[in-house]
Protein backbone atom coordinates (compact mmCIF):
# COMPACT_ATOMS: atom_id res chain seq x y z
CA MET A 1 46.27 68.72 36.57
CA HIS A 2 44.00 71.55 37.05
CA GLU A 3 41.02 70.99 39.69
CA ASN A 4 38.48 70.62 36.86
CA GLU A 5 40.50 68.12 35.23
CA LYS A 6 40.91 66.14 38.38
CA ALA A 7 37.10 66.27 38.94
CA ASN A 8 36.38 65.00 35.48
CA GLU A 9 38.79 62.16 35.81
CA ALA A 10 37.29 61.07 39.07
CA ALA A 11 33.87 61.31 37.63
CA ARG A 12 35.07 59.12 34.50
CA ARG A 13 36.55 56.52 36.90
CA TRP A 14 33.38 56.37 38.77
CA ARG A 15 31.41 56.05 35.81
CA LEU A 16 33.57 52.91 34.75
CA VAL A 17 33.30 51.46 38.28
CA LEU A 18 29.46 51.84 38.51
CA GLY A 19 28.64 51.13 34.79
CA GLN A 20 25.75 52.59 32.86
CA GLU A 21 23.46 53.01 35.79
CA GLY A 22 26.02 55.13 37.62
CA GLU A 23 25.65 58.46 35.59
CA THR A 24 28.21 60.95 36.95
CA GLY A 25 27.93 63.32 34.11
CA ALA A 26 31.59 62.44 32.85
CA SER A 27 32.04 62.26 29.16
CA VAL A 28 33.41 58.70 27.87
CA ASP A 29 35.02 58.36 24.54
CA ALA A 30 35.22 55.07 22.38
CA ARG A 31 37.94 53.53 24.29
CA ASP A 32 36.13 54.10 27.42
CA LEU A 33 32.84 52.51 26.00
CA ALA A 34 34.93 49.50 25.15
CA ILE A 35 36.31 49.37 28.52
CA ASP A 36 32.92 49.61 30.11
CA SER A 37 31.67 46.85 27.78
CA ALA A 38 34.36 44.42 29.04
CA LEU A 39 33.56 45.44 32.74
CA GLU A 40 29.79 44.98 31.98
CA ALA A 41 30.19 41.58 30.61
CA LEU A 42 31.86 40.40 33.95
CA TYR A 43 30.14 42.69 36.42
CA ASP A 44 26.84 43.53 34.74
CA ALA A 45 24.70 46.01 36.54
CA GLN A 46 22.11 44.39 38.78
CA ASP A 47 20.43 45.77 41.80
CA GLY A 48 22.81 48.61 41.84
CA ALA A 49 25.86 46.68 41.85
CA ARG A 50 27.81 44.88 39.10
CA SER A 51 27.51 41.04 39.15
CA ALA A 52 28.19 38.26 36.48
CA GLY A 53 26.65 38.45 32.96
CA LEU A 54 29.01 37.24 30.25
CA GLY A 55 26.95 34.11 29.45
CA GLY A 56 28.10 30.86 28.15
CA SER A 57 29.12 31.59 24.59
CA ALA A 58 32.80 30.35 23.95
CA PRO A 59 33.50 32.64 21.16
CA ARG A 60 32.30 35.74 23.06
CA VAL A 61 34.58 34.54 26.13
CA ALA A 62 37.58 34.22 23.85
CA ARG A 63 37.04 37.76 22.55
CA TRP A 64 36.59 39.19 26.00
CA LEU A 65 39.76 37.43 27.39
CA GLY A 66 41.56 39.31 24.58
CA ASP A 67 39.96 42.52 25.27
CA ILE A 68 40.58 42.81 28.90
CA ARG A 69 44.40 42.10 28.10
CA GLN A 70 44.47 44.96 25.75
CA TYR A 71 42.62 47.42 28.13
CA PHE A 72 43.92 46.53 31.70
CA PRO A 73 47.33 46.07 33.35
CA ALA A 74 48.42 42.43 34.11
CA THR A 75 47.61 42.53 37.65
CA VAL A 76 44.05 43.54 37.00
CA VAL A 77 43.87 41.03 34.21
CA GLN A 78 44.66 38.31 36.63
CA VAL A 79 42.02 39.52 39.04
CA MET A 80 39.23 39.74 36.26
CA GLN A 81 40.38 36.16 34.95
CA LYS A 82 40.15 34.79 38.44
CA ASP A 83 36.63 36.36 38.90
CA ALA A 84 35.58 34.99 35.48
CA PHE A 85 36.53 31.54 36.68
CA ASP A 86 34.42 31.87 39.80
CA ARG A 87 31.48 33.84 38.25
CA LEU A 88 31.07 32.94 34.44
CA GLY A 89 31.77 29.30 34.19
CA LEU A 90 35.05 29.50 32.26
CA GLU A 91 36.18 26.32 34.02
CA ARG A 92 33.17 24.64 32.57
CA MET A 93 34.30 25.97 29.09
CA LEU A 94 37.71 24.53 29.37
CA CYS A 95 36.38 21.23 30.92
CA GLU A 96 33.72 20.40 28.32
CA PRO A 97 34.94 19.31 24.83
CA GLU A 98 31.76 20.68 23.09
CA MET A 99 32.48 24.31 24.59
CA LEU A 100 36.03 24.11 23.42
CA ALA A 101 35.00 22.92 19.96
CA ALA A 102 33.14 26.33 19.53
CA VAL A 103 36.48 28.04 19.51
CA GLU A 104 38.74 27.16 16.57
CA ALA A 105 41.93 25.54 17.98
CA ASP A 106 44.60 27.85 16.75
CA VAL A 107 47.72 29.80 17.97
CA HIS A 108 45.51 32.58 19.46
CA LEU A 109 43.47 30.12 21.49
CA VAL A 110 46.63 28.55 22.79
CA ALA A 111 47.87 32.14 23.78
CA THR A 112 44.51 32.49 25.54
CA LEU A 113 44.83 29.30 27.46
CA LEU A 114 48.42 30.01 28.41
CA SER A 115 47.44 33.48 29.67
CA LEU A 116 44.90 31.63 32.02
CA ASN A 117 47.68 29.40 33.26
CA ARG A 118 48.19 30.99 36.65
CA VAL A 119 44.46 30.95 37.51
CA MET A 120 43.39 27.85 35.93
CA PRO A 121 42.07 25.14 38.36
CA ASN A 122 44.19 22.04 38.40
CA LYS A 123 41.48 19.84 36.98
CA THR A 124 40.99 21.87 33.92
CA ARG A 125 44.72 21.75 32.89
CA SER A 126 44.50 18.38 31.42
CA THR A 127 41.69 19.70 28.94
CA ALA A 128 43.87 22.79 28.09
CA ARG A 129 46.81 20.76 27.44
CA ARG A 130 45.24 18.45 25.03
CA VAL A 131 44.08 21.62 23.10
CA VAL A 132 47.60 23.05 23.22
CA ALA A 133 49.25 19.83 22.34
CA GLN A 134 46.74 19.58 19.27
CA VAL A 135 47.84 22.96 17.89
CA VAL A 136 51.38 22.24 18.58
CA GLU A 137 51.18 18.97 16.56
CA GLN A 138 49.64 20.93 13.67
CA LEU A 139 52.40 23.54 13.80
CA GLU A 140 55.16 20.81 14.06
CA ARG A 141 53.77 19.12 10.96
CA LYS A 142 53.86 22.39 9.03
CA LEU A 143 57.04 24.01 10.19
CA ALA A 144 59.52 21.21 11.37
CA SER A 145 60.53 19.76 8.18
CA PRO A 146 61.31 23.09 6.40
CA LEU A 147 63.27 24.28 9.50
CA ARG A 148 65.21 20.90 9.67
CA GLN A 149 66.14 20.93 6.04
CA ALA A 150 67.10 24.55 5.96
CA VAL A 151 69.31 24.20 9.13
CA ALA A 152 70.90 20.95 8.01
CA GLY A 153 71.64 22.31 4.42
CA SER A 154 73.11 25.61 5.87
CA LEU A 155 75.26 23.66 8.48
CA ASN A 156 76.73 21.50 5.70
CA ARG A 157 77.58 24.59 3.68
CA ALA A 158 78.95 26.55 6.70
CA ALA A 159 81.25 23.52 7.81
CA ARG A 160 84.81 23.96 7.14
CA ASN A 161 86.19 20.30 7.49
CA ARG A 162 89.34 20.39 5.26
CA ARG A 163 90.64 17.30 6.19
CA PRO A 164 87.67 14.84 6.01
CA ARG A 165 87.55 11.10 6.26
CA HIS A 166 86.25 9.33 3.25
CA ASN A 167 82.80 9.11 4.42
CA GLU A 168 82.71 12.73 5.50
CA ILE A 169 83.57 14.12 1.90
CA ASP A 170 81.22 16.50 0.36
CA TRP A 171 81.78 15.41 -3.20
CA LEU A 172 79.81 18.07 -5.10
CA ARG A 173 81.72 20.86 -3.37
CA THR A 174 85.05 18.90 -3.68
CA ILE A 175 84.65 18.39 -7.39
CA ARG A 176 83.64 22.19 -8.00
CA ALA A 177 86.79 23.18 -5.90
CA ASN A 178 89.09 21.05 -7.92
CA LEU A 179 87.78 21.52 -11.52
CA ARG A 180 90.91 23.30 -12.76
CA HIS A 181 92.57 19.84 -11.90
CA TYR A 182 90.53 17.95 -14.43
CA GLN A 183 92.64 15.35 -16.35
CA PRO A 184 91.18 14.76 -19.89
CA GLU A 185 93.16 11.60 -20.43
CA TYR A 186 91.76 10.06 -17.30
CA GLN A 187 88.43 11.90 -17.53
CA THR A 188 88.66 12.62 -13.93
CA VAL A 189 89.54 15.42 -11.36
CA ILE A 190 92.43 15.31 -9.07
CA PRO A 191 90.91 16.30 -5.67
CA GLU A 192 94.00 18.32 -4.33
CA THR A 193 91.51 20.09 -1.98
CA ARG A 194 88.92 17.97 -0.18
CA ILE A 195 85.86 19.42 1.42
CA GLY A 196 83.96 17.53 4.00
CA PHE A 197 80.80 17.94 6.00
CA ALA A 198 81.05 18.66 9.72
CA ARG A 199 81.89 15.58 11.82
CA LYS A 200 78.82 13.97 13.40
CA GLY A 201 78.29 15.01 16.95
CA GLN A 202 79.92 18.41 16.56
CA ALA A 203 77.91 21.38 17.30
CA LEU A 204 78.81 24.07 14.63
CA ARG A 205 76.40 26.72 15.99
CA ASP A 206 75.00 27.66 19.47
CA ILE A 207 71.68 29.08 19.08
CA VAL A 208 69.98 31.01 21.98
CA LEU A 209 66.34 31.95 21.73
CA CYS A 210 65.51 34.88 24.27
CA ILE A 211 61.59 35.24 24.33
CA ASP A 212 59.65 38.15 25.66
CA GLN A 213 56.61 36.60 27.43
CA SER A 214 54.78 39.91 27.86
CA GLY A 215 50.99 39.66 26.93
CA SER A 216 51.51 41.51 23.50
CA MET A 217 53.94 38.69 22.51
CA ALA A 218 51.79 35.66 23.23
CA PRO A 219 51.41 34.38 19.50
CA SER A 220 55.26 34.86 19.21
CA VAL A 221 55.83 32.76 22.18
CA VAL A 222 53.94 29.88 20.79
CA TYR A 223 55.64 29.81 17.45
CA ALA A 224 59.10 30.33 19.14
CA SER A 225 58.63 27.48 21.54
CA VAL A 226 57.71 25.08 18.59
CA PHE A 227 60.69 26.29 16.65
CA ALA A 228 63.02 25.88 19.78
CA ALA A 229 61.86 22.38 20.19
CA VAL A 230 62.52 21.49 16.50
CA LEU A 231 66.16 23.05 16.72
CA ALA A 232 66.91 21.24 19.93
CA SER A 233 66.30 17.94 17.84
CA ILE A 234 69.03 18.78 15.54
CA LYS A 235 72.27 17.54 16.92
CA ALA A 236 74.70 19.76 14.89
CA VAL A 237 73.36 22.74 16.76
CA SER A 238 73.15 23.48 20.50
CA THR A 239 69.98 25.20 21.41
CA SER A 240 69.10 27.12 24.45
CA VAL A 241 65.75 28.91 25.23
CA PHE A 242 64.56 31.14 27.90
CA VAL A 243 61.57 33.24 28.50
CA PHE A 244 61.60 36.74 30.41
CA ASP A 245 59.26 39.35 31.68
CA THR A 246 60.84 41.08 34.77
CA ALA A 247 62.53 37.74 35.67
CA VAL A 248 64.18 34.85 33.49
CA ALA A 249 63.09 31.28 33.27
CA ASP A 250 65.36 28.89 31.53
CA LEU A 251 63.23 26.34 29.45
CA THR A 252 66.09 24.52 27.88
CA PRO A 253 65.56 21.35 29.94
CA LEU A 254 61.95 21.10 28.69
CA LEU A 255 62.86 21.38 24.96
CA ALA A 256 61.93 17.65 24.32
CA ASP A 257 58.36 18.46 24.59
CA PRO A 258 57.19 21.99 23.13
CA VAL A 259 54.00 21.70 25.17
CA GLU A 260 55.84 21.43 28.34
CA VAL A 261 57.97 24.52 27.15
CA LEU A 262 54.54 26.33 26.54
CA PHE A 263 53.32 25.67 29.92
CA GLY A 264 56.54 26.69 31.49
CA THR A 265 55.84 30.26 30.29
CA GLN A 266 53.86 32.87 32.37
CA LEU A 267 52.38 35.26 29.89
CA GLY A 268 51.33 38.87 30.75
CA GLY A 269 54.24 40.31 32.91
CA GLY A 270 56.44 43.26 32.39
CA THR A 271 59.60 43.59 30.34
CA ASP A 272 63.20 43.74 31.41
CA ILE A 273 65.30 43.12 28.29
CA ASN A 274 68.46 44.24 30.32
CA ARG A 275 67.98 41.42 32.73
CA ALA A 276 67.44 38.86 29.83
CA LEU A 277 70.66 40.04 28.00
CA ALA A 278 72.60 39.66 31.39
CA TYR A 279 71.51 36.10 31.59
CA CYS A 280 72.25 35.54 27.86
CA GLN A 281 75.68 36.67 28.38
CA GLY A 282 76.21 33.71 30.86
CA LEU A 283 75.23 31.44 28.25
CA VAL A 284 77.74 32.40 25.57
CA THR A 285 80.85 30.27 25.56
CA ARG A 286 81.67 30.38 21.95
CA PRO A 287 80.93 33.86 20.68
CA GLN A 288 81.99 33.45 17.01
CA GLN A 289 79.75 30.43 16.79
CA THR A 290 76.75 31.81 18.75
CA ILE A 291 73.33 33.21 17.16
CA VAL A 292 71.16 35.15 19.69
CA VAL A 293 67.77 35.70 18.50
CA LEU A 294 65.80 38.10 20.67
CA ILE A 295 62.15 37.95 20.05
CA SER A 296 60.58 41.32 21.73
CA ASP A 297 58.71 44.30 20.91
CA LEU A 298 61.53 46.19 22.61
CA PHE A 299 59.19 48.10 25.02
CA GLU A 300 61.83 48.15 27.88
CA GLY A 301 60.84 48.39 31.35
CA GLY A 302 64.26 48.08 32.85
CA ASN A 303 67.56 50.06 32.34
CA LYS A 304 67.59 50.97 28.62
CA ALA A 305 71.18 52.28 28.69
CA GLU A 306 72.57 49.23 30.28
CA MET A 307 70.63 47.10 27.87
CA LEU A 308 72.12 48.66 25.01
CA LYS A 309 75.37 48.31 26.42
CA ARG A 310 74.99 44.63 27.00
CA ALA A 311 73.88 44.13 23.57
CA GLY A 312 76.86 46.21 22.21
CA SER A 313 79.13 43.92 24.19
CA LEU A 314 77.66 40.73 22.88
CA ILE A 315 78.03 41.96 19.29
CA ALA A 316 81.66 43.27 19.75
CA ASN A 317 82.61 39.92 21.08
CA GLY A 318 81.36 38.34 17.89
CA VAL A 319 77.93 37.06 18.73
CA GLN A 320 75.45 37.30 15.96
CA VAL A 321 72.36 39.02 17.40
CA ILE A 322 69.11 39.25 15.53
CA VAL A 323 65.88 41.06 16.92
CA LEU A 324 62.54 39.71 15.86
CA LEU A 325 59.93 42.19 16.76
CA ALA A 326 57.29 39.57 16.20
CA LEU A 327 57.34 35.99 15.12
CA ASP A 328 53.72 35.56 13.92
CA ASP A 329 51.35 35.99 11.07
CA SER A 330 49.89 39.38 12.24
CA GLY A 331 52.07 41.62 10.17
CA ALA A 332 53.91 44.90 11.32
CA PRO A 333 53.83 45.00 15.14
CA ALA A 334 53.87 48.00 17.53
CA TYR A 335 57.47 48.39 18.79
CA ASP A 336 59.81 50.72 20.33
CA ARG A 337 61.49 52.33 17.25
CA SER A 338 64.11 54.21 18.99
CA ILE A 339 65.49 51.10 20.70
CA ALA A 340 65.21 49.20 17.33
CA ALA A 341 67.19 51.93 15.67
CA ALA A 342 69.84 51.65 18.31
CA PHE A 343 70.11 47.85 17.91
CA ALA A 344 70.28 48.12 14.12
CA ALA A 345 73.09 50.68 14.48
CA MET A 346 75.22 48.15 16.38
CA GLY A 347 74.73 45.73 13.84
CA ALA A 348 71.80 43.70 15.14
CA PRO A 349 68.92 43.83 12.45
CA CYS A 350 65.32 44.22 13.73
CA PHE A 351 62.37 43.24 11.88
CA ALA A 352 59.04 41.25 12.29
CA CYS A 353 59.34 37.73 10.69
CA THR A 354 56.41 35.25 9.75
CA PRO A 355 56.71 31.50 10.85
CA ASP A 356 57.05 30.35 7.22
CA LEU A 357 60.18 32.57 6.68
CA PHE A 358 61.85 31.50 9.96
CA PRO A 359 63.69 28.53 8.51
CA ASP A 360 65.33 30.46 5.74
CA LEU A 361 66.25 33.17 8.32
CA MET A 362 68.01 30.73 10.41
CA ALA A 363 69.78 29.19 7.38
CA ALA A 364 71.00 32.70 6.47
CA ALA A 365 72.26 33.30 9.93
CA ILE A 366 74.03 30.12 10.30
CA GLN A 367 76.08 30.69 6.89
CA ARG A 368 76.84 34.15 8.29
CA ASN A 369 75.17 35.69 5.44
CA SER A 370 73.92 39.23 5.64
CA VAL A 371 70.57 39.16 7.46
CA GLU A 372 69.92 42.68 6.20
CA GLN A 373 70.20 41.53 2.70
CA TRP A 374 68.03 38.61 3.34
CA ALA A 375 65.26 40.65 4.75
CA ALA A 376 65.51 43.09 1.84
CA GLN A 377 65.25 40.05 -0.73
CA HIS A 378 61.99 38.88 1.13
CA GLY A 379 60.55 42.47 1.07
CA ILE A 380 60.79 42.73 4.92
CA VAL A 381 61.20 46.35 6.13
CA HIS A 382 63.79 46.45 8.98
CA SER A 383 65.29 48.83 11.21
């Protein structure tokens, strides 16, 4: 960087530190103005120094929390959120129902509350937990039944119980398989081949959800946690779930309560997919019966070459790996296209999936149908 460029960058930084009152002659673009607005809301210029000035508007607070996650690194966001609690009365917003009522309780509000988890005062957690529980309940009512039906139906079709007991016989499939043995004089079918449902208590698939909890994936974390809890309630599958940033947190013991799963996350860290896949390898005991769903935008901060090697090893051993670049309603996400292409080349399809399609996706995966064809049939562009 030339001396003039260094001087301009230093003047720009001082301009952002000092605010509008600190004219340095530096030019600022639209992004800088947005950053300055976020800083001004928290550290408004007063008597030559920035001080609190966001005010008590709950919708404005929610937008501001989203802005700072967009413009600043996680470590700075944590400092600003802590300052906001101390200076702007965010604690009051979270403690008073009338303030929370000003912000619609939805997935994005849950993501905001979870992003504040590390700096939230203890006495505000009960209020935040109630809001999160309300949204989780709404999501479960909407999503649980379709997922259970899709998974149960696909498990029944995927089962290959060729010597079933009488109460395990799938009569519809058995009759279809034996139509050539129809006896007209008796008006019946001789069931030479009997096809049965899976025996009760037998886990036919092991499902592992690996969830990237970096800040950009926040809505996906919410949906994935709800789906994980629903899958855990289905005895015919064994479900494991863990979240990761630069470390891994196994949340499987919390699956009985999706609210607990969500509060076990720590949104906003870095991303080490290689470490996550290493942990995943340790969970796989039946490769041919295992489905690994990696939910991540694939912006790897760890060792990319080793990450791809681990993914290739899982796939070569027979594990079905699916990469969801997002699991939310926001449409096409930003993601690392080169890594997505590398995953796809190894046989791990990569695409974004909306929550309403996730049950059908899991049904296709359980039946070992082509996930690529499934995505194409639903108009999903995949890598």
